[in-house]
Amino acid sequence: MKTLQAEASALERTLQATAGDDPSGRSASLAILERMRIVYVGGRPGSNAAIRRIVESAGGEMTVHDGI
């Protein structure tokens, strides 16, 4: 449980730091994801959802593959 909380906190801090004061919630550092398709293999369900939100908020698309 502590590991999941630490990962969620790290993702939140990263998103807040990259979003800065931009009212759209997008930042220049995340702009590279716009119109990109990201394929993410593995990961944890909670992390996958958080990463998907980041990618999609930057205008990208994410597909998760569980490795099976």
PDB file of N, CA and C in Angstrom:
ATOM      1  N   MET A   1       0.827  -1.190   0.000  1.00  0.00           N
ATOM      2  CA  MET A   1       0.000   0.000   0.000  1.00  0.00           C
ATOM      3  C   MET A   1       0.878   1.263   0.000  1.00  0.00           C
ATOM      4  N   LYS A   2       1.958   1.246   0.772  1.00  0.00           N
ATOM      5  CA  LYS A   2       2.839   2.413   0.822  1.00  0.00           C
ATOM      6  C   LYS A   2       3.492   2.672  -0.535  1.00  0.00           C
ATOM      7  N   THR A   3       3.831   1.603  -1.248  1.00  0.00           N
ATOM      8  CA  THR A   3       4.448   1.764  -2.569  1.00  0.00           C
ATOM      9  C   THR A   3       3.481   2.425  -3.532  1.00  0.00           C
ATOM     10  N   LEU A   4       2.238   1.987  -3.526  1.00  0.00           N
ATOM     11  CA  LEU A   4       1.222   2.565  -4.408  1.00  0.00           C
ATOM     12  C   LEU A   4       0.996   4.039  -4.076  1.00  0.00           C
ATOM     13  N   GLN A   5       0.942   4.369  -2.795  1.00  0.00           N
ATOM     14  CA  GLN A   5       0.766   5.760  -2.381  1.00  0.00           C
ATOM     15  C   GLN A   5       1.957   6.615  -2.819  1.00  0.00           C
ATOM     16  N   ALA A   6       3.157   6.076  -2.699  1.00  0.00           N
ATOM     17  CA  ALA A   6       4.357   6.813  -3.107  1.00  0.00           C
ATOM     18  C   ALA A   6       4.351   7.053  -4.613  1.00  0.00           C
ATOM     19  N   GLU A   7       3.949   6.037  -5.385  1.00  0.00           N
ATOM     20  CA  GLU A   7       3.884   6.193  -6.840  1.00  0.00           C
ATOM     21  C   GLU A   7       2.842   7.236  -7.226  1.00  0.00           C
ATOM     22  N   ALA A   8       1.683   7.183  -6.601  1.00  0.00           N
ATOM     23  CA  ALA A   8       0.625   8.145  -6.901  1.00  0.00           C
ATOM     24  C   ALA A   8       1.067   9.564  -6.558  1.00  0.00           C
ATOM     25  N   SER A   9       1.736   9.722  -5.437  1.00  0.00           N
ATOM     26  CA  SER A   9       2.233  11.040  -5.036  1.00  0.00           C
ATOM     27  C   SER A   9       3.282  11.556  -6.010  1.00  0.00           C
ATOM     28  N   ALA A  10       4.163  10.679  -6.455  1.00  0.00           N
ATOM     29  CA  ALA A  10       5.201  11.081  -7.408  1.00  0.00           C
ATOM     30  C   ALA A  10       4.584  11.511  -8.733  1.00  0.00           C
ATOM     31  N   LEU A  11       3.585  10.768  -9.197  1.00  0.00           N
ATOM     32  CA  LEU A  11       2.905  11.143 -10.440  1.00  0.00           C
ATOM     33  C   LEU A  11       2.189  12.480 -10.294  1.00  0.00           C
ATOM     34  N   GLU A  12       1.527  12.688  -9.163  1.00  0.00           N
ATOM     35  CA  GLU A  12       0.833  13.956  -8.906  1.00  0.00           C
ATOM     36  C   GLU A  12       1.815  15.126  -8.908  1.00  0.00           C
ATOM     37  N   ARG A  13       2.929  14.967  -8.202  1.00  0.00           N
ATOM     38  CA  ARG A  13       3.931  16.043  -8.145  1.00  0.00           C
ATOM     39  C   ARG A  13       4.478  16.357  -9.530  1.00  0.00           C
ATOM     40  N   THR A  14       4.735  15.321 -10.302  1.00  0.00           N
ATOM     41  CA  THR A  14       5.256  15.513 -11.655  1.00  0.00           C
ATOM     42  C   THR A  14       4.246  16.244 -12.524  1.00  0.00           C
ATOM     43  N   LEU A  15       3.000  15.835 -12.455  1.00  0.00           N
ATOM     44  CA  LEU A  15       1.963  16.480 -13.258  1.00  0.00           C
ATOM     45  C   LEU A  15       1.790  17.938 -12.852  1.00  0.00           C
ATOM     46  N   GLN A  16       1.779  18.205 -11.564  1.00  0.00           N
ATOM     47  CA  GLN A  16       1.636  19.583 -11.098  1.00  0.00           C
ATOM     48  C   GLN A  16       2.837  20.429 -11.512  1.00  0.00           C
ATOM     49  N   ALA A  17       4.022  19.859 -11.432  1.00  0.00           N
ATOM     50  CA  ALA A  17       5.230  20.613 -11.785  1.00  0.00           C
ATOM     51  C   ALA A  17       5.268  20.918 -13.278  1.00  0.00           C
ATOM     52  N   THR A  18       4.813  19.981 -14.110  1.00  0.00           N
ATOM     53  CA  THR A  18       4.855  20.207 -15.551  1.00  0.00           C
ATOM     54  C   THR A  18       3.702  21.069 -16.020  1.00  0.00           C
ATOM     55  N   ALA A  19       2.571  21.042 -15.329  1.00  0.00           N
ATOM     56  CA  ALA A  19       1.418  21.844 -15.745  1.00  0.00           C
ATOM     57  C   ALA A  19       1.623  23.314 -15.415  1.00  0.00           C
ATOM     58  N   GLY A  20       2.346  23.582 -14.331  1.00  0.00           N
ATOM     59  CA  GLY A  20       2.638  24.962 -13.952  1.00  0.00           C
ATOM     60  C   GLY A  20       1.392  25.832 -13.870  1.00  0.00           C
ATOM     61  N   ASP A  21       1.471  27.037 -14.436  1.00  0.00           N
ATOM     62  CA  ASP A  21       0.366  27.976 -14.377  1.00  0.00           C
ATOM     63  C   ASP A  21      -0.490  27.959 -15.632  1.00  0.00           C
ATOM     64  N   ASP A  22      -0.262  27.016 -16.530  1.00  0.00           N
ATOM     65  CA  ASP A  22      -1.012  26.952 -17.772  1.00  0.00           C
ATOM     66  C   ASP A  22      -2.452  26.567 -17.467  1.00  0.00           C
ATOM     67  N   PRO A  23      -3.431  27.432 -17.744  1.00  0.00           N
ATOM     68  CA  PRO A  23      -4.823  27.133 -17.418  1.00  0.00           C
ATOM     69  C   PRO A  23      -5.379  25.936 -18.178  1.00  0.00           C
ATOM     70  N   SER A  24      -4.801  25.591 -19.314  1.00  0.00           N
ATOM     71  CA  SER A  24      -5.295  24.436 -20.074  1.00  0.00           C
ATOM     72  C   SER A  24      -4.857  23.129 -19.430  1.00  0.00           C
ATOM     73  N   GLY A  25      -3.922  23.193 -18.488  1.00  0.00           N
ATOM     74  CA  GLY A  25      -3.397  21.994 -17.850  1.00  0.00           C
ATOM     75  C   GLY A  25      -2.288  21.339 -18.643  1.00  0.00           C
ATOM     76  N   ARG A  26      -1.948  21.916 -19.805  1.00  0.00           N
ATOM     77  CA  ARG A  26      -0.872  21.381 -20.634  1.00  0.00           C
ATOM     78  C   ARG A  26       0.384  22.196 -20.410  1.00  0.00           C
ATOM     79  N   SER A  27       1.512  21.593 -20.600  1.00  0.00           N
ATOM     80  CA  SER A  27       2.774  22.311 -20.475  1.00  0.00           C
ATOM     81  C   SER A  27       3.615  22.059 -21.715  1.00  0.00           C
ATOM     82  N   ALA A  28       4.611  22.877 -21.890  1.00  0.00           N
ATOM     83  CA  ALA A  28       5.499  22.718 -23.041  1.00  0.00           C
ATOM     84  C   ALA A  28       6.192  21.357 -23.001  1.00  0.00           C
ATOM     85  N   SER A  29       6.539  20.876 -21.815  1.00  0.00           N
ATOM     86  CA  SER A  29       7.245  19.603 -21.728  1.00  0.00           C
ATOM     87  C   SER A  29       6.349  18.421 -22.091  1.00  0.00           C
ATOM     88  N   LEU A  30       5.034  18.576 -21.946  1.00  0.00           N
ATOM     89  CA  LEU A  30       4.112  17.503 -22.313  1.00  0.00           C
ATOM     90  C   LEU A  30       3.587  17.666 -23.733  1.00  0.00           C
ATOM     91  N   ALA A  31       3.865  18.797 -24.360  1.00  0.00           N
ATOM     92  CA  ALA A  31       3.363  19.065 -25.707  1.00  0.00           C
ATOM     93  C   ALA A  31       3.852  18.031 -26.712  1.00  0.00           C
ATOM     94  N   ILE A  32       4.981  17.414 -26.443  1.00  0.00           N
ATOM     95  CA  ILE A  32       5.516  16.399 -27.354  1.00  0.00           C
ATOM     96  C   ILE A  32       4.558  15.209 -27.489  1.00  0.00           C
ATOM     97  N   LEU A  33       3.673  15.025 -26.514  1.00  0.00           N
ATOM     98  CA  LEU A  33       2.737  13.902 -26.548  1.00  0.00           C
ATOM     99  C   LEU A  33       1.532  14.160 -27.445  1.00  0.00           C
ATOM    100  N   GLU A  34       1.335  15.399 -27.838  1.00  0.00           N
ATOM    101  CA  GLU A  34       0.174  15.729 -28.654  1.00  0.00           C
ATOM    102  C   GLU A  34       0.201  14.935 -29.965  1.00  0.00           C
ATOM    103  N   ARG A  35      -0.934  14.305 -30.273  1.00  0.00           N
ATOM    104  CA  ARG A  35      -1.116  13.487 -31.481  1.00  0.00           C
ATOM    105  C   ARG A  35      -0.188  12.270 -31.528  1.00  0.00           C
ATOM    106  N   MET A  36       0.375  11.882 -30.383  1.00  0.00           N
ATOM    107  CA  MET A  36       1.232  10.693 -30.327  1.00  0.00           C
ATOM    108  C   MET A  36       0.421   9.515 -29.788  1.00  0.00           C
ATOM    109  N   ARG A  37       0.777   8.317 -30.218  1.00  0.00           N
ATOM    110  CA  ARG A  37       0.169   7.105 -29.681  1.00  0.00           C
ATOM    111  C   ARG A  37       1.244   6.398 -28.866  1.00  0.00           C
ATOM    112  N   ILE A  38       0.987   6.226 -27.596  1.00  0.00           N
ATOM    113  CA  ILE A  38       1.931   5.594 -26.672  1.00  0.00           C
ATOM    114  C   ILE A  38       1.438   4.178 -26.374  1.00  0.00           C
ATOM    115  N   VAL A  39       2.313   3.189 -26.503  1.00  0.00           N
ATOM    116  CA  VAL A  39       1.999   1.822 -26.122  1.00  0.00           C
ATOM    117  C   VAL A  39       2.817   1.525 -24.875  1.00  0.00           C
ATOM    118  N   TYR A  40       2.123   1.249 -23.777  1.00  0.00           N
ATOM    119  CA  TYR A  40       2.767   1.023 -22.487  1.00  0.00           C
ATOM    120  C   TYR A  40       2.595  -0.445 -22.134  1.00  0.00           C
ATOM    121  N   VAL A  41       3.683  -1.147 -21.915  1.00  0.00           N
ATOM    122  CA  VAL A  41       3.631  -2.569 -21.605  1.00  0.00           C
ATOM    123  C   VAL A  41       3.904  -2.767 -20.129  1.00  0.00           C
ATOM    124  N   GLY A  42       2.993  -3.474 -19.469  1.00  0.00           N
ATOM    125  CA  GLY A  42       3.151  -3.771 -18.047  1.00  0.00           C
ATOM    126  C   GLY A  42       2.611  -2.673 -17.170  1.00  0.00           C
ATOM    127  N   GLY A  43       3.209  -2.522 -16.001  1.00  0.00           N
ATOM    128  CA  GLY A  43       2.782  -1.491 -15.061  1.00  0.00           C
ATOM    129  C   GLY A  43       1.695  -1.983 -14.119  1.00  0.00           C
ATOM    130  N   ARG A  44       1.293  -1.097 -13.257  1.00  0.00           N
ATOM    131  CA  ARG A  44       0.232  -1.398 -12.287  1.00  0.00           C
ATOM    132  C   ARG A  44      -1.033  -0.675 -12.710  1.00  0.00           C
ATOM    133  N   PRO A  45      -2.198  -1.252 -12.433  1.00  0.00           N
ATOM    134  CA  PRO A  45      -3.446  -0.621 -12.875  1.00  0.00           C
ATOM    135  C   PRO A  45      -3.586   0.838 -12.436  1.00  0.00           C
ATOM    136  N   GLY A  46      -3.235   1.166 -11.213  1.00  0.00           N
ATOM    137  CA  GLY A  46      -3.338   2.552 -10.747  1.00  0.00           C
ATOM    138  C   GLY A  46      -2.389   3.472 -11.479  1.00  0.00           C
ATOM    139  N   SER A  47      -1.182   3.004 -11.713  1.00  0.00           N
ATOM    140  CA  SER A  47      -0.203   3.801 -12.443  1.00  0.00           C
ATOM    141  C   SER A  47      -0.618   3.951 -13.898  1.00  0.00           C
ATOM    142  N   ASN A  48      -1.118   2.880 -14.478  1.00  0.00           N
ATOM    143  CA  ASN A  48      -1.555   2.929 -15.873  1.00  0.00           C
ATOM    144  C   ASN A  48      -2.624   3.994 -16.061  1.00  0.00           C
ATOM    145  N   ALA A  49      -3.576   4.045 -15.149  1.00  0.00           N
ATOM    146  CA  ALA A  49      -4.658   5.033 -15.250  1.00  0.00           C
ATOM    147  C   ALA A  49      -4.120   6.456 -15.124  1.00  0.00           C
ATOM    148  N   ALA A  50      -3.196   6.659 -14.205  1.00  0.00           N
ATOM    149  CA  ALA A  50      -2.622   7.995 -14.018  1.00  0.00           C
ATOM    150  C   ALA A  50      -1.805   8.417 -15.235  1.00  0.00           C
ATOM    151  N   ILE A  51      -1.024   7.493 -15.783  1.00  0.00           N
ATOM    152  CA  ILE A  51      -0.219   7.809 -16.966  1.00  0.00           C
ATOM    153  C   ILE A  51      -1.130   8.087 -18.149  1.00  0.00           C
ATOM    154  N   ARG A  52      -2.204   7.310 -18.290  1.00  0.00           N
ATOM    155  CA  ARG A  52      -3.168   7.538 -19.368  1.00  0.00           C
ATOM    156  C   ARG A  52      -3.751   8.949 -19.271  1.00  0.00           C
ATOM    157  N   ARG A  53      -4.109   9.379 -18.056  1.00  0.00           N
ATOM    158  CA  ARG A  53      -4.656  10.737 -17.885  1.00  0.00           C
ATOM    159  C   ARG A  53      -3.653  11.798 -18.311  1.00  0.00           C
ATOM    160  N   ILE A  54      -2.397  11.607 -17.972  1.00  0.00           N
ATOM    161  CA  ILE A  54      -1.361  12.567 -18.351  1.00  0.00           C
ATOM    162  C   ILE A  54      -1.231  12.623 -19.875  1.00  0.00           C
ATOM    163  N   VAL A  55      -1.126  11.454 -20.497  1.00  0.00           N
ATOM    164  CA  VAL A  55      -0.960  11.396 -21.955  1.00  0.00           C
ATOM    165  C   VAL A  55      -2.173  12.012 -22.655  1.00  0.00           C
ATOM    166  N   GLU A  56      -3.369  11.629 -22.220  1.00  0.00           N
ATOM    167  CA  GLU A  56      -4.574  12.132 -22.873  1.00  0.00           C
ATOM    168  C   GLU A  56      -4.780  13.622 -22.627  1.00  0.00           C
ATOM    169  N   SER A  57      -4.401  14.115 -21.458  1.00  0.00           N
ATOM    170  CA  SER A  57      -4.550  15.552 -21.196  1.00  0.00           C
ATOM    171  C   SER A  57      -3.592  16.368 -22.055  1.00  0.00           C
ATOM    172  N   ALA A  58      -2.516  15.714 -22.537  1.00  0.00           N
ATOM    173  CA  ALA A  58      -1.553  16.377 -23.415  1.00  0.00           C
ATOM    174  C   ALA A  58      -1.936  16.204 -24.880  1.00  0.00           C
ATOM    175  N   GLY A  59      -3.064  15.554 -25.143  1.00  0.00           N
ATOM    176  CA  GLY A  59      -3.534  15.392 -26.517  1.00  0.00           C
ATOM    177  C   GLY A  59      -3.053  14.126 -27.199  1.00  0.00           C
ATOM    178  N   GLY A  60      -2.536  13.181 -26.422  1.00  0.00           N
ATOM    179  CA  GLY A  60      -2.061  11.928 -26.983  1.00  0.00           C
ATOM    180  C   GLY A  60      -3.043  10.800 -26.729  1.00  0.00           C
ATOM    181  N   GLU A  61      -2.657   9.625 -27.165  1.00  0.00           N
ATOM    182  CA  GLU A  61      -3.478   8.426 -26.997  1.00  0.00           C
ATOM    183  C   GLU A  61      -2.588   7.344 -26.392  1.00  0.00           C
ATOM    184  N   MET A  62      -3.136   6.558 -25.481  1.00  0.00           N
ATOM    185  CA  MET A  62      -2.332   5.527 -24.834  1.00  0.00           C
ATOM    186  C   MET A  62      -3.028   4.185 -24.896  1.00  0.00           C
ATOM    187  N   THR A  63      -2.276   3.158 -25.236  1.00  0.00           N
ATOM    188  CA  THR A  63      -2.749   1.782 -25.220  1.00  0.00           C
ATOM    189  C   THR A  63      -1.886   1.032 -24.214  1.00  0.00           C
ATOM    190  N   VAL A  64      -2.523   0.242 -23.362  1.00  0.00           N
ATOM    191  CA  VAL A  64      -1.797  -0.542 -22.362  1.00  0.00           C
ATOM    192  C   VAL A  64      -1.840  -2.009 -22.773  1.00  0.00           C
ATOM    193  N   HIS A  65      -0.682  -2.656 -22.712  1.00  0.00           N
ATOM    194  CA  HIS A  65      -0.593  -4.086 -22.986  1.00  0.00           C
ATOM    195  C   HIS A  65      -0.050  -4.750 -21.732  1.00  0.00           C
ATOM    196  N   ASP A  66      -0.737  -5.789 -21.282  1.00  0.00           N
ATOM    197  CA  ASP A  66      -0.342  -6.429 -20.018  1.00  0.00           C
ATOM    198  C   ASP A  66       0.790  -7.423 -20.170  1.00  0.00           C
ATOM    199  N   GLY A  67       1.321  -7.572 -21.371  1.00  0.00           N
ATOM    200  CA  GLY A  67       2.451  -8.459 -21.577  1.00  0.00           C
ATOM    201  C   GLY A  67       2.074  -9.895 -21.850  1.00  0.00           C
ATOM    202  N   ILE A  68       0.787 -10.173 -21.886  1.00  0.00           N
ATOM    203  CA  ILE A  68       0.344 -11.566 -22.143  1.00  0.00           C
ATOM    204  C   ILE A  68       0.020 -11.719 -23.611  1.00  0.00           C
TER     205      ILE A  68
END
